[in-house]
Amino acid sequence: MKKLLICLFITVIFSSHNFFLNNFINTTYAQQKPIPSYAKWGQIAIQKTKEKYPQAKIIDYLHIGSDKKGDTSLEKFKLWLKQNNKEFGVFVDILFDSKTEQIIDVKFRETTRG
C-alpha cells in the first residue's frame, strides 16, 4: 500500500509539473508583443549611428516617437553611447517618404557629454 501511495504521489507531482510548465510556456508565447512598426527605423538609426560614431559603443536605445506630415514621415530615436569612458546621448531623426520608405534625411544631435 505504501509503494502504491508513493508511486501515485510521484505521478501526481510530475504530471502537475508538466502541466504548469506547458501552461507557462504557452502563456509566455501568447503574451509576446508584436514587432513595433518603428523597428525597421530603429535598426537604421543604430546602423547610421555606428557609421557616424565608429569608435563608440551603443549601450541603450529609445524610440521617442513618430510624426507624419503630408507625404513624409519622421521617426525619432535617442541612443546612448559610450566612447573613451564617456557617455553621451545622440538624438537621431530619420525623415523618409511615407509611400516608398525612401530615406530623405538623417539628422544627429548630441546631448551634453558627461
PDB file of N, CA and C in Angstrom:
ATOM      1  N   MET A   1       0.821  -1.193   0.000  1.00  0.00           N
ATOM      2  CA  MET A   1       0.000   0.000   0.000  1.00  0.00           C
ATOM      3  C   MET A   1       0.866   1.257   0.000  1.00  0.00           C
ATOM      4  N   LYS A   2       1.961   1.254   0.790  1.00  0.00           N
ATOM      5  CA  LYS A   2       2.861   2.405   0.835  1.00  0.00           C
ATOM      6  C   LYS A   2       3.476   2.667  -0.532  1.00  0.00           C
ATOM      7  N   LYS A   3       3.891   1.581  -1.214  1.00  0.00           N
ATOM      8  CA  LYS A   3       4.502   1.728  -2.526  1.00  0.00           C
ATOM      9  C   LYS A   3       3.513   2.333  -3.516  1.00  0.00           C
ATOM     10  N   LEU A   4       2.268   1.903  -3.436  1.00  0.00           N
ATOM     11  CA  LEU A   4       1.237   2.424  -4.335  1.00  0.00           C
ATOM     12  C   LEU A   4       1.009   3.911  -4.086  1.00  0.00           C
ATOM     13  N   LEU A   5       0.936   4.318  -2.829  1.00  0.00           N
ATOM     14  CA  LEU A   5       0.754   5.734  -2.495  1.00  0.00           C
ATOM     15  C   LEU A   5       1.950   6.572  -2.936  1.00  0.00           C
ATOM     16  N   ILE A   6       3.145   6.045  -2.743  1.00  0.00           N
ATOM     17  CA  ILE A   6       4.357   6.764  -3.151  1.00  0.00           C
ATOM     18  C   ILE A   6       4.367   6.934  -4.668  1.00  0.00           C
ATOM     19  N   CYS A   7       4.065   5.857  -5.402  1.00  0.00           N
ATOM     20  CA  CYS A   7       4.022   5.934  -6.873  1.00  0.00           C
ATOM     21  C   CYS A   7       2.952   6.925  -7.332  1.00  0.00           C
ATOM     22  N   LEU A   8       1.805   6.885  -6.684  1.00  0.00           N
ATOM     23  CA  LEU A   8       0.721   7.804  -7.029  1.00  0.00           C
ATOM     24  C   LEU A   8       1.149   9.250  -6.752  1.00  0.00           C
ATOM     25  N   PHE A   9       1.783   9.483  -5.632  1.00  0.00           N
ATOM     26  CA  PHE A   9       2.253  10.815  -5.262  1.00  0.00           C
ATOM     27  C   PHE A   9       3.269  11.329  -6.286  1.00  0.00           C
ATOM     28  N   ILE A  10       4.235  10.499  -6.644  1.00  0.00           N
ATOM     29  CA  ILE A  10       5.257  10.891  -7.620  1.00  0.00           C
ATOM     30  C   ILE A  10       4.617  11.184  -8.976  1.00  0.00           C
ATOM     31  N   THR A  11       3.667  10.372  -9.389  1.00  0.00           N
ATOM     32  CA  THR A  11       2.980  10.588 -10.663  1.00  0.00           C
ATOM     33  C   THR A  11       2.242  11.916 -10.667  1.00  0.00           C
ATOM     34  N   VAL A  12       1.558  12.222  -9.564  1.00  0.00           N
ATOM     35  CA  VAL A  12       0.827  13.489  -9.474  1.00  0.00           C
ATOM     36  C   VAL A  12       1.790  14.667  -9.528  1.00  0.00           C
ATOM     37  N   ILE A  13       2.900  14.563  -8.824  1.00  0.00           N
ATOM     38  CA  ILE A  13       3.888  15.645  -8.805  1.00  0.00           C
ATOM     39  C   ILE A  13       4.420  15.897 -10.219  1.00  0.00           C
ATOM     40  N   PHE A  14       4.854  14.838 -10.913  1.00  0.00           N
ATOM     41  CA  PHE A  14       5.410  15.021 -12.256  1.00  0.00           C
ATOM     42  C   PHE A  14       4.344  15.477 -13.250  1.00  0.00           C
ATOM     43  N   SER A  15       3.147  14.992 -13.126  1.00  0.00           N
ATOM     44  CA  SER A  15       2.066  15.397 -14.030  1.00  0.00           C
ATOM     45  C   SER A  15       1.743  16.870 -13.853  1.00  0.00           C
ATOM     46  N   SER A  16       1.622  17.304 -12.598  1.00  0.00           N
ATOM     47  CA  SER A  16       1.304  18.710 -12.362  1.00  0.00           C
ATOM     48  C   SER A  16       2.459  19.600 -12.789  1.00  0.00           C
ATOM     49  N   HIS A  17       3.694  19.136 -12.601  1.00  0.00           N
ATOM     50  CA  HIS A  17       4.862  19.910 -13.025  1.00  0.00           C
ATOM     51  C   HIS A  17       4.815  20.129 -14.535  1.00  0.00           C
ATOM     52  N   ASN A  18       4.550  19.081 -15.309  1.00  0.00           N
ATOM     53  CA  ASN A  18       4.471  19.212 -16.766  1.00  0.00           C
ATOM     54  C   ASN A  18       3.311  20.107 -17.179  1.00  0.00           C
ATOM     55  N   PHE A  19       2.193  19.992 -16.491  1.00  0.00           N
ATOM     56  CA  PHE A  19       1.035  20.825 -16.800  1.00  0.00           C
ATOM     57  C   PHE A  19       1.381  22.297 -16.593  1.00  0.00           C
ATOM     58  N   PHE A  20       1.966  22.626 -15.465  1.00  0.00           N
ATOM     59  CA  PHE A  20       2.308  24.014 -15.177  1.00  0.00           C
ATOM     60  C   PHE A  20       3.403  24.529 -16.104  1.00  0.00           C
ATOM     61  N   LEU A  21       4.376  23.687 -16.425  1.00  0.00           N
ATOM     62  CA  LEU A  21       5.445  24.088 -17.332  1.00  0.00           C
ATOM     63  C   LEU A  21       4.880  24.371 -18.722  1.00  0.00           C
ATOM     64  N   ASN A  22       4.045  23.468 -19.248  1.00  0.00           N
ATOM     65  CA  ASN A  22       3.441  23.680 -20.565  1.00  0.00           C
ATOM     66  C   ASN A  22       2.541  24.902 -20.567  1.00  0.00           C
ATOM     67  N   ASN A  23       1.785  25.091 -19.501  1.00  0.00           N
ATOM     68  CA  ASN A  23       0.902  26.254 -19.402  1.00  0.00           C
ATOM     69  C   ASN A  23       1.728  27.548 -19.373  1.00  0.00           C
ATOM     70  N   PHE A  24       2.835  27.538 -18.649  1.00  0.00           N
ATOM     71  CA  PHE A  24       3.719  28.705 -18.591  1.00  0.00           C
ATOM     72  C   PHE A  24       4.299  29.017 -19.964  1.00  0.00           C
ATOM     73  N   ILE A  25       4.777  27.989 -20.661  1.00  0.00           N
ATOM     74  CA  ILE A  25       5.360  28.191 -21.987  1.00  0.00           C
ATOM     75  C   ILE A  25       4.318  28.735 -22.948  1.00  0.00           C
ATOM     76  N   ASN A  26       3.124  28.151 -22.958  1.00  0.00           N
ATOM     77  CA  ASN A  26       2.071  28.630 -23.858  1.00  0.00           C
ATOM     78  C   ASN A  26       1.664  30.060 -23.529  1.00  0.00           C
ATOM     79  N   THR A  27       1.559  30.384 -22.264  1.00  0.00           N
ATOM     80  CA  THR A  27       1.187  31.736 -21.851  1.00  0.00           C
ATOM     81  C   THR A  27       2.277  32.728 -22.238  1.00  0.00           C
ATOM     82  N   THR A  28       3.533  32.342 -22.064  1.00  0.00           N
ATOM     83  CA  THR A  28       4.643  33.224 -22.407  1.00  0.00           C
ATOM     84  C   THR A  28       4.644  33.546 -23.889  1.00  0.00           C
ATOM     85  N   TYR A  29       4.476  32.551 -24.738  1.00  0.00           N
ATOM     86  CA  TYR A  29       4.453  32.801 -26.180  1.00  0.00           C
ATOM     87  C   TYR A  29       3.240  33.620 -26.576  1.00  0.00           C
ATOM     88  N   ALA A  30       2.119  33.394 -25.937  1.00  0.00           N
ATOM     89  CA  ALA A  30       0.902  34.136 -26.265  1.00  0.00           C
ATOM     90  C   ALA A  30       1.028  35.602 -25.873  1.00  0.00           C
ATOM     91  N   GLN A  31       1.857  35.914 -24.886  1.00  0.00           N
ATOM     92  CA  GLN A  31       1.980  37.280 -24.401  1.00  0.00           C
ATOM     93  C   GLN A  31       3.083  38.068 -25.098  1.00  0.00           C
ATOM     94  N   GLN A  32       3.797  37.436 -26.029  1.00  0.00           N
ATOM     95  CA  GLN A  32       4.841  38.167 -26.724  1.00  0.00           C
ATOM     96  C   GLN A  32       4.217  39.283 -27.548  1.00  0.00           C
ATOM     97  N   LYS A  33       4.850  40.428 -27.517  1.00  0.00           N
ATOM     98  CA  LYS A  33       4.328  41.591 -28.217  1.00  0.00           C
ATOM     99  C   LYS A  33       4.713  41.521 -29.690  1.00  0.00           C
ATOM    100  N   PRO A  34       3.861  42.050 -30.552  1.00  0.00           N
ATOM    101  CA  PRO A  34       4.219  42.085 -31.970  1.00  0.00           C
ATOM    102  C   PRO A  34       5.368  43.062 -32.208  1.00  0.00           C
ATOM    103  N   ILE A  35       6.032  42.896 -33.315  1.00  0.00           N
ATOM    104  CA  ILE A  35       7.147  43.779 -33.654  1.00  0.00           C
ATOM    105  C   ILE A  35       6.586  45.165 -33.946  1.00  0.00           C
ATOM    106  N   PRO A  36       7.093  46.201 -33.276  1.00  0.00           N
ATOM    107  CA  PRO A  36       6.563  47.552 -33.492  1.00  0.00           C
ATOM    108  C   PRO A  36       6.886  48.069 -34.896  1.00  0.00           C
ATOM    109  N   SER A  37       6.061  48.964 -35.385  1.00  0.00           N
ATOM    110  CA  SER A  37       6.225  49.500 -36.742  1.00  0.00           C
ATOM    111  C   SER A  37       7.532  50.273 -36.907  1.00  0.00           C
ATOM    112  N   TYR A  38       8.076  50.797 -35.812  1.00  0.00           N
ATOM    113  CA  TYR A  38       9.301  51.589 -35.895  1.00  0.00           C
ATOM    114  C   TYR A  38      10.573  50.733 -35.827  1.00  0.00           C
ATOM    115  N   ALA A  39      10.444  49.427 -35.684  1.00  0.00           N
ATOM    116  CA  ALA A  39      11.615  48.561 -35.505  1.00  0.00           C
ATOM    117  C   ALA A  39      12.601  48.688 -36.663  1.00  0.00           C
ATOM    118  N   LYS A  40      12.086  48.718 -37.891  1.00  0.00           N
ATOM    119  CA  LYS A  40      12.948  48.866 -39.067  1.00  0.00           C
ATOM    120  C   LYS A  40      13.757  50.159 -38.972  1.00  0.00           C
ATOM    121  N   TRP A  41      13.100  51.239 -38.568  1.00  0.00           N
ATOM    122  CA  TRP A  41      13.760  52.540 -38.486  1.00  0.00           C
ATOM    123  C   TRP A  41      14.734  52.578 -37.322  1.00  0.00           C
ATOM    124  N   GLY A  42      14.453  51.835 -36.277  1.00  0.00           N
ATOM    125  CA  GLY A  42      15.383  51.738 -35.157  1.00  0.00           C
ATOM    126  C   GLY A  42      16.682  51.068 -35.575  1.00  0.00           C
ATOM    127  N   GLN A  43      16.569  50.028 -36.396  1.00  0.00           N
ATOM    128  CA  GLN A  43      17.766  49.360 -36.898  1.00  0.00           C
ATOM    129  C   GLN A  43      18.581  50.310 -37.776  1.00  0.00           C
ATOM    130  N   ILE A  44      17.878  51.098 -38.590  1.00  0.00           N
ATOM    131  CA  ILE A  44      18.578  52.070 -39.436  1.00  0.00           C
ATOM    132  C   ILE A  44      19.246  53.142 -38.570  1.00  0.00           C
ATOM    133  N   ALA A  45      18.559  53.608 -37.522  1.00  0.00           N
ATOM    134  CA  ALA A  45      19.145  54.600 -36.618  1.00  0.00           C
ATOM    135  C   ALA A  45      20.423  54.054 -35.982  1.00  0.00           C
ATOM    136  N   ILE A  46      20.400  52.808 -35.575  1.00  0.00           N
ATOM    137  CA  ILE A  46      21.583  52.179 -34.976  1.00  0.00           C
ATOM    138  C   ILE A  46      22.702  52.079 -36.012  1.00  0.00           C
ATOM    139  N   GLN A  47      22.370  51.628 -37.218  1.00  0.00           N
ATOM    140  CA  GLN A  47      23.367  51.489 -38.280  1.00  0.00           C
ATOM    141  C   GLN A  47      24.012  52.832 -38.615  1.00  0.00           C
ATOM    142  N   LYS A  48      23.199  53.865 -38.791  1.00  0.00           N
ATOM    143  CA  LYS A  48      23.722  55.189 -39.145  1.00  0.00           C
ATOM    144  C   LYS A  48      24.557  55.776 -38.004  1.00  0.00           C
ATOM    145  N   THR A  49      24.153  55.496 -36.765  1.00  0.00           N
ATOM    146  CA  THR A  49      24.913  55.978 -35.611  1.00  0.00           C
ATOM    147  C   THR A  49      26.273  55.286 -35.541  1.00  0.00           C
ATOM    148  N   LYS A  50      26.300  53.997 -35.831  1.00  0.00           N
ATOM    149  CA  LYS A  50      27.581  53.274 -35.849  1.00  0.00           C
ATOM    150  C   LYS A  50      28.501  53.822 -36.931  1.00  0.00           C
ATOM    151  N   GLU A  51      27.913  54.233 -38.065  1.00  0.00           N
ATOM    152  CA  GLU A  51      28.725  54.812 -39.137  1.00  0.00           C
ATOM    153  C   GLU A  51      29.297  56.166 -38.712  1.00  0.00           C
ATOM    154  N   LYS A  52      28.496  56.971 -38.042  1.00  0.00           N
ATOM    155  CA  LYS A  52      28.927  58.308 -37.626  1.00  0.00           C
ATOM    156  C   LYS A  52      29.886  58.255 -36.434  1.00  0.00           C
ATOM    157  N   TYR A  53      29.676  57.298 -35.536  1.00  0.00           N
ATOM    158  CA  TYR A  53      30.493  57.153 -34.327  1.00  0.00           C
ATOM    159  C   TYR A  53      31.091  55.738 -34.288  1.00  0.00           C
ATOM    160  N   PRO A  54      32.023  55.431 -35.177  1.00  0.00           N
ATOM    161  CA  PRO A  54      32.529  54.047 -35.272  1.00  0.00           C
ATOM    162  C   PRO A  54      33.296  53.570 -34.034  1.00  0.00           C
ATOM    163  N   GLN A  55      33.827  54.487 -33.250  1.00  0.00           N
ATOM    164  CA  GLN A  55      34.592  54.096 -32.063  1.00  0.00           C
ATOM    165  C   GLN A  55      33.707  53.935 -30.824  1.00  0.00           C
ATOM    166  N   ALA A  56      32.451  54.348 -30.912  1.00  0.00           N
ATOM    167  CA  ALA A  56      31.557  54.328 -29.749  1.00  0.00           C
ATOM    168  C   ALA A  56      30.778  53.012 -29.679  1.00  0.00           C
ATOM    169  N   LYS A  57      30.419  52.676 -28.482  1.00  0.00           N
ATOM    170  CA  LYS A  57      29.580  51.506 -28.246  1.00  0.00           C
ATOM    171  C   LYS A  57      28.178  52.010 -27.895  1.00  0.00           C
ATOM    172  N   ILE A  58      27.167  51.478 -28.571  1.00  0.00           N
ATOM    173  CA  ILE A  58      25.777  51.852 -28.273  1.00  0.00           C
ATOM    174  C   ILE A  58      25.332  51.017 -27.081  1.00  0.00           C
ATOM    175  N   ILE A  59      24.940  51.711 -26.010  1.00  0.00           N
ATOM    176  CA  ILE A  59      24.581  50.976 -24.790  1.00  0.00           C
ATOM    177  C   ILE A  59      23.089  51.038 -24.465  1.00  0.00           C
ATOM    178  N   ASP A  60      22.358  51.917 -25.140  1.00  0.00           N
ATOM    179  CA  ASP A  60      20.909  51.970 -24.903  1.00  0.00           C
ATOM    180  C   ASP A  60      20.229  52.627 -26.092  1.00  0.00           C
ATOM    181  N   TYR A  61      18.909  52.413 -26.185  1.00  0.00           N
ATOM    182  CA  TYR A  61      18.141  52.835 -27.354  1.00  0.00           C
ATOM    183  C   TYR A  61      16.715  53.133 -26.914  1.00  0.00           C
ATOM    184  N   LEU A  62      16.156  54.225 -27.439  1.00  0.00           N
ATOM    185  CA  LEU A  62      14.788  54.593 -27.093  1.00  0.00           C
ATOM    186  C   LEU A  62      14.088  55.177 -28.311  1.00  0.00           C
ATOM    187  N   HIS A  63      12.897  54.687 -28.602  1.00  0.00           N
ATOM    188  CA  HIS A  63      12.067  55.293 -29.648  1.00  0.00           C
ATOM    189  C   HIS A  63      11.300  56.426 -28.993  1.00  0.00           C
ATOM    190  N   ILE A  64      11.492  57.637 -29.495  1.00  0.00           N
ATOM    191  CA  ILE A  64      10.850  58.801 -28.910  1.00  0.00           C
ATOM    192  C   ILE A  64       9.458  59.020 -29.483  1.00  0.00           C
ATOM    193  N   GLY A  65       9.326  58.801 -30.790  1.00  0.00           N
ATOM    194  CA  GLY A  65       8.014  58.986 -31.395  1.00  0.00           C
ATOM    195  C   GLY A  65       8.064  59.072 -32.902  1.00  0.00           C
ATOM    196  N   SER A  66       6.878  59.216 -33.480  1.00  0.00           N
ATOM    197  CA  SER A  66       6.714  59.317 -34.920  1.00  0.00           C
ATOM    198  C   SER A  66       5.942  60.577 -35.241  1.00  0.00           C
ATOM    199  N   ASP A  67       6.149  61.074 -36.448  1.00  0.00           N
ATOM    200  CA  ASP A  67       5.438  62.267 -36.891  1.00  0.00           C
ATOM    201  C   ASP A  67       5.227  62.132 -38.391  1.00  0.00           C
ATOM    202  N   LYS A  68       4.011  62.389 -38.854  1.00  0.00           N
ATOM    203  CA  LYS A  68       3.729  62.321 -40.280  1.00  0.00           C
ATOM    204  C   LYS A  68       3.197  63.666 -40.741  1.00  0.00           C
ATOM    205  N   LYS A  69       3.818  64.190 -41.804  1.00  0.00           N
ATOM    206  CA  LYS A  69       3.389  65.467 -42.387  1.00  0.00           C
ATOM    207  C   LYS A  69       3.334  65.291 -43.899  1.00  0.00           C
ATOM    208  N   GLY A  70       2.150  65.356 -44.434  1.00  0.00           N
ATOM    209  CA  GLY A  70       1.998  65.209 -45.884  1.00  0.00           C
ATOM    210  C   GLY A  70       2.492  63.858 -46.355  1.00  0.00           C
ATOM    211  N   ASP A  71       3.437  63.890 -47.300  1.00  0.00           N
ATOM    212  CA  ASP A  71       3.969  62.659 -47.886  1.00  0.00           C
ATOM    213  C   ASP A  71       5.186  62.118 -47.158  1.00  0.00           C
ATOM    214  N   THR A  72       5.601  62.789 -46.071  1.00  0.00           N
ATOM    215  CA  THR A  72       6.796  62.343 -45.357  1.00  0.00           C
ATOM    216  C   THR A  72       6.470  61.924 -43.927  1.00  0.00           C
ATOM    217  N   SER A  73       7.318  61.077 -43.412  1.00  0.00           N
ATOM    218  CA  SER A  73       7.220  60.629 -42.023  1.00  0.00           C
ATOM    219  C   SER A  73       8.561  60.841 -41.342  1.00  0.00           C
ATOM    220  N   LEU A  74       8.513  61.020 -40.030  1.00  0.00           N
ATOM    221  CA  LEU A  74       9.720  61.227 -39.238  1.00  0.00           C
ATOM    222  C   LEU A  74       9.690  60.263 -38.058  1.00  0.00           C
ATOM    223  N   GLU A  75      10.753  59.498 -37.906  1.00  0.00           N
ATOM    224  CA  GLU A  75      10.912  58.621 -36.750  1.00  0.00           C
ATOM    225  C   GLU A  75      12.032  59.192 -35.902  1.00  0.00           C
ATOM    226  N   LYS A  76      11.789  59.296 -34.582  1.00  0.00           N
ATOM    227  CA  LYS A  76      12.743  59.927 -33.669  1.00  0.00           C
ATOM    228  C   LYS A  76      13.241  58.911 -32.638  1.00  0.00           C
ATOM    229  N   PHE A  77      14.549  58.913 -32.444  1.00  0.00           N
ATOM    230  CA  PHE A  77      15.184  57.985 -31.508  1.00  0.00           C
ATOM    231  C   PHE A  77      16.211  58.713 -30.666  1.00  0.00           C
ATOM    232  N   LYS A  78      16.492  58.142 -29.509  1.00  0.00           N
ATOM    233  CA  LYS A  78      17.625  58.591 -28.702  1.00  0.00           C
ATOM    234  C   LYS A  78      18.467  57.364 -28.398  1.00  0.00           C
ATOM    235  N   LEU A  79      19.736  57.470 -28.734  1.00  0.00           N
ATOM    236  CA  LEU A  79      20.679  56.395 -28.448  1.00  0.00           C
ATOM    237  C   LEU A  79      21.680  56.906 -27.426  1.00  0.00           C
ATOM    238  N   TRP A  80      22.095  56.015 -26.538  1.00  0.00           N
ATOM    239  CA  TRP A  80      23.079  56.362 -25.522  1.00  0.00           C
ATOM    240  C   TRP A  80      24.363  55.636 -25.880  1.00  0.00           C
ATOM    241  N   LEU A  81      25.453  56.400 -26.013  1.00  0.00           N
ATOM    242  CA  LEU A  81      26.728  55.856 -26.457  1.00  0.00           C
ATOM    243  C   LEU A  81      27.802  55.996 -25.394  1.00  0.00           C
ATOM    244  N   LYS A  82      28.810  55.134 -25.514  1.00  0.00           N
ATOM    245  CA  LYS A  82      29.964  55.211 -24.630  1.00  0.00           C
ATOM    246  C   LYS A  82      31.208  55.181 -25.510  1.00  0.00           C
ATOM    247  N   GLN A  83      32.076  56.191 -25.298  1.00  0.00           N
ATOM    248  CA  GLN A  83      33.312  56.284 -26.056  1.00  0.00           C
ATOM    249  C   GLN A  83      34.380  56.901 -25.163  1.00  0.00           C
ATOM    250  N   ASN A  84      35.519  56.249 -25.094  1.00  0.00           N
ATOM    251  CA  ASN A  84      36.631  56.737 -24.270  1.00  0.00           C
ATOM    252  C   ASN A  84      36.191  57.018 -22.828  1.00  0.00           C
ATOM    253  N   ASN A  85      35.484  56.104 -22.223  1.00  0.00           N
ATOM    254  CA  ASN A  85      34.999  56.200 -20.845  1.00  0.00           C
ATOM    255  C   ASN A  85      34.044  57.362 -20.607  1.00  0.00           C
ATOM    256  N   LYS A  86      33.497  57.933 -21.657  1.00  0.00           N
ATOM    257  CA  LYS A  86      32.491  58.987 -21.525  1.00  0.00           C
ATOM    258  C   LYS A  86      31.197  58.511 -22.169  1.00  0.00           C
ATOM    259  N   GLU A  87      30.093  58.854 -21.534  1.00  0.00           N
ATOM    260  CA  GLU A  87      28.788  58.504 -22.068  1.00  0.00           C
ATOM    261  C   GLU A  87      28.073  59.764 -22.534  1.00  0.00           C
ATOM    262  N   PHE A  88      27.322  59.633 -23.628  1.00  0.00           N
ATOM    263  CA  PHE A  88      26.560  60.759 -24.148  1.00  0.00           C
ATOM    264  C   PHE A  88      25.398  60.234 -24.983  1.00  0.00           C
ATOM    265  N   GLY A  89      24.398  61.075 -25.124  1.00  0.00           N
ATOM    266  CA  GLY A  89      23.228  60.717 -25.912  1.00  0.00           C
ATOM    267  C   GLY A  89      23.279  61.332 -27.291  1.00  0.00           C
ATOM    268  N   VAL A  90      22.640  60.651 -28.225  1.00  0.00           N
ATOM    269  CA  VAL A  90      22.529  61.158 -29.584  1.00  0.00           C
ATOM    270  C   VAL A  90      21.075  61.003 -30.014  1.00  0.00           C
ATOM    271  N   PHE A  91      20.455  62.128 -30.373  1.00  0.00           N
ATOM    272  CA  PHE A  91      19.122  62.083 -30.951  1.00  0.00           C
ATOM    273  C   PHE A  91      19.284  61.827 -32.441  1.00  0.00           C
ATOM    274  N   VAL A  92      18.524  60.877 -32.964  1.00  0.00           N
ATOM    275  CA  VAL A  92      18.576  60.543 -34.384  1.00  0.00           C
ATOM    276  C   VAL A  92      17.169  60.711 -34.952  1.00  0.00           C
ATOM    277  N   ASP A  93      17.057  61.566 -35.960  1.00  0.00           N
ATOM    278  CA  ASP A  93      15.778  61.784 -36.644  1.00  0.00           C
ATOM    279  C   ASP A  93      15.909  61.266 -38.069  1.00  0.00           C
ATOM    280  N   ILE A  94      15.002  60.370 -38.452  1.00  0.00           N
ATOM    281  CA  ILE A  94      15.018  59.797 -39.797  1.00  0.00           C
ATOM    282  C   ILE A  94      13.775  60.287 -40.535  1.00  0.00           C
ATOM    283  N   LEU A  95      13.987  61.069 -41.577  1.00  0.00           N
ATOM    284  CA  LEU A  95      12.906  61.586 -42.412  1.00  0.00           C
ATOM    285  C   LEU A  95      12.848  60.723 -43.671  1.00  0.00           C
ATOM    286  N   PHE A  96      11.642  60.244 -43.999  1.00  0.00           N
ATOM    287  CA  PHE A  96      11.517  59.377 -45.167  1.00  0.00           C
ATOM    288  C   PHE A  96      10.177  59.581 -45.863  1.00  0.00           C
ATOM    289  N   ASP A  97      10.124  59.167 -47.127  1.00  0.00           N
ATOM    290  CA  ASP A  97       8.900  59.226 -47.912  1.00  0.00           C
ATOM    291  C   ASP A  97       7.940  58.164 -47.368  1.00  0.00           C
ATOM    292  N   SER A  98       6.741  58.562 -47.015  1.00  0.00           N
ATOM    293  CA  SER A  98       5.784  57.644 -46.385  1.00  0.00           C
ATOM    294  C   SER A  98       5.369  56.498 -47.306  1.00  0.00           C
ATOM    295  N   LYS A  99       5.310  56.747 -48.607  1.00  0.00           N
ATOM    296  CA  LYS A  99       4.855  55.706 -49.549  1.00  0.00           C
ATOM    297  C   LYS A  99       5.964  54.752 -49.939  1.00  0.00           C
ATOM    298  N   THR A 100       7.117  55.303 -50.307  1.00  0.00           N
ATOM    299  CA  THR A 100       8.214  54.465 -50.800  1.00  0.00           C
ATOM    300  C   THR A 100       9.165  54.030 -49.694  1.00  0.00           C
ATOM    301  N   GLU A 101       9.104  54.684 -48.547  1.00  0.00           N
ATOM    302  CA  GLU A 101      10.016  54.473 -47.423  1.00  0.00           C
ATOM    303  C   GLU A 101      11.468  54.798 -47.788  1.00  0.00           C
ATOM    304  N   GLN A 102      11.648  55.607 -48.814  1.00  0.00           N
ATOM    305  CA  GLN A 102      12.976  56.073 -49.209  1.00  0.00           C
ATOM    306  C   GLN A 102      13.434  57.127 -48.206  1.00  0.00           C
ATOM    307  N   ILE A 103      14.642  56.957 -47.662  1.00  0.00           N
ATOM    308  CA  ILE A 103      15.176  57.908 -46.686  1.00  0.00           C
ATOM    309  C   ILE A 103      15.501  59.221 -47.388  1.00  0.00           C
ATOM    310  N   ILE A 104      15.011  60.305 -46.808  1.00  0.00           N
ATOM    311  CA  ILE A 104      15.273  61.649 -47.324  1.00  0.00           C
ATOM    312  C   ILE A 104      16.433  62.286 -46.572  1.00  0.00           C
ATOM    313  N   ASP A 105      16.440  62.135 -45.232  1.00  0.00           N
ATOM    314  CA  ASP A 105      17.481  62.775 -44.426  1.00  0.00           C
ATOM    315  C   ASP A 105      17.602  62.068 -43.079  1.00  0.00           C
ATOM    316  N   VAL A 106      18.818  62.044 -42.559  1.00  0.00           N
ATOM    317  CA  VAL A 106      19.077  61.530 -41.209  1.00  0.00           C
ATOM    318  C   VAL A 106      19.848  62.619 -40.471  1.00  0.00           C
ATOM    319  N   LYS A 107      19.304  63.066 -39.351  1.00  0.00           N
ATOM    320  CA  LYS A 107      19.960  64.123 -38.568  1.00  0.00           C
ATOM    321  C   LYS A 107      20.377  63.578 -37.212  1.00  0.00           C
ATOM    322  N   PHE A 108      21.527  64.051 -36.747  1.00  0.00           N
ATOM    323  CA  PHE A 108      22.072  63.674 -35.447  1.00  0.00           C
ATOM    324  C   PHE A 108      22.219  64.929 -34.598  1.00  0.00           C
ATOM    325  N   ARG A 109      21.913  64.780 -33.305  1.00  0.00           N
ATOM    326  CA  ARG A 109      22.101  65.882 -32.365  1.00  0.00           C
ATOM    327  C   ARG A 109      22.579  65.280 -31.035  1.00  0.00           C
ATOM    328  N   GLU A 110      23.785  65.653 -30.640  1.00  0.00           N
ATOM    329  CA  GLU A 110      24.365  65.111 -29.399  1.00  0.00           C
ATOM    330  C   GLU A 110      23.833  65.849 -28.189  1.00  0.00           C
ATOM    331  N   THR A 111      23.668  65.114 -27.104  1.00  0.00           N
ATOM    332  CA  THR A 111      23.384  65.734 -25.820  1.00  0.00           C
ATOM    333  C   THR A 111      24.713  66.057 -25.169  1.00  0.00           C
ATOM    334  N   THR A 112      24.676  66.758 -24.080  1.00  0.00           N
ATOM    335  CA  THR A 112      25.896  67.126 -23.367  1.00  0.00           C
ATOM    336  C   THR A 112      26.641  65.868 -22.928  1.00  0.00           C
ATOM    337  N   ARG A 113      27.914  65.857 -23.184  1.00  0.00           N
ATOM    338  CA  ARG A 113      28.737  64.722 -22.723  1.00  0.00           C
ATOM    339  C   ARG A 113      28.923  64.815 -21.226  1.00  0.00           C
ATOM    340  N   GLY A 114      28.895  63.634 -20.584  1.00  0.00           N
ATOM    341  CA  GLY A 114      29.037  63.651 -19.136  1.00  0.00           C
ATOM    342  C   GLY A 114      30.198  62.918 -18.617  1.00  0.00           C
TER     343      GLY A 114
END
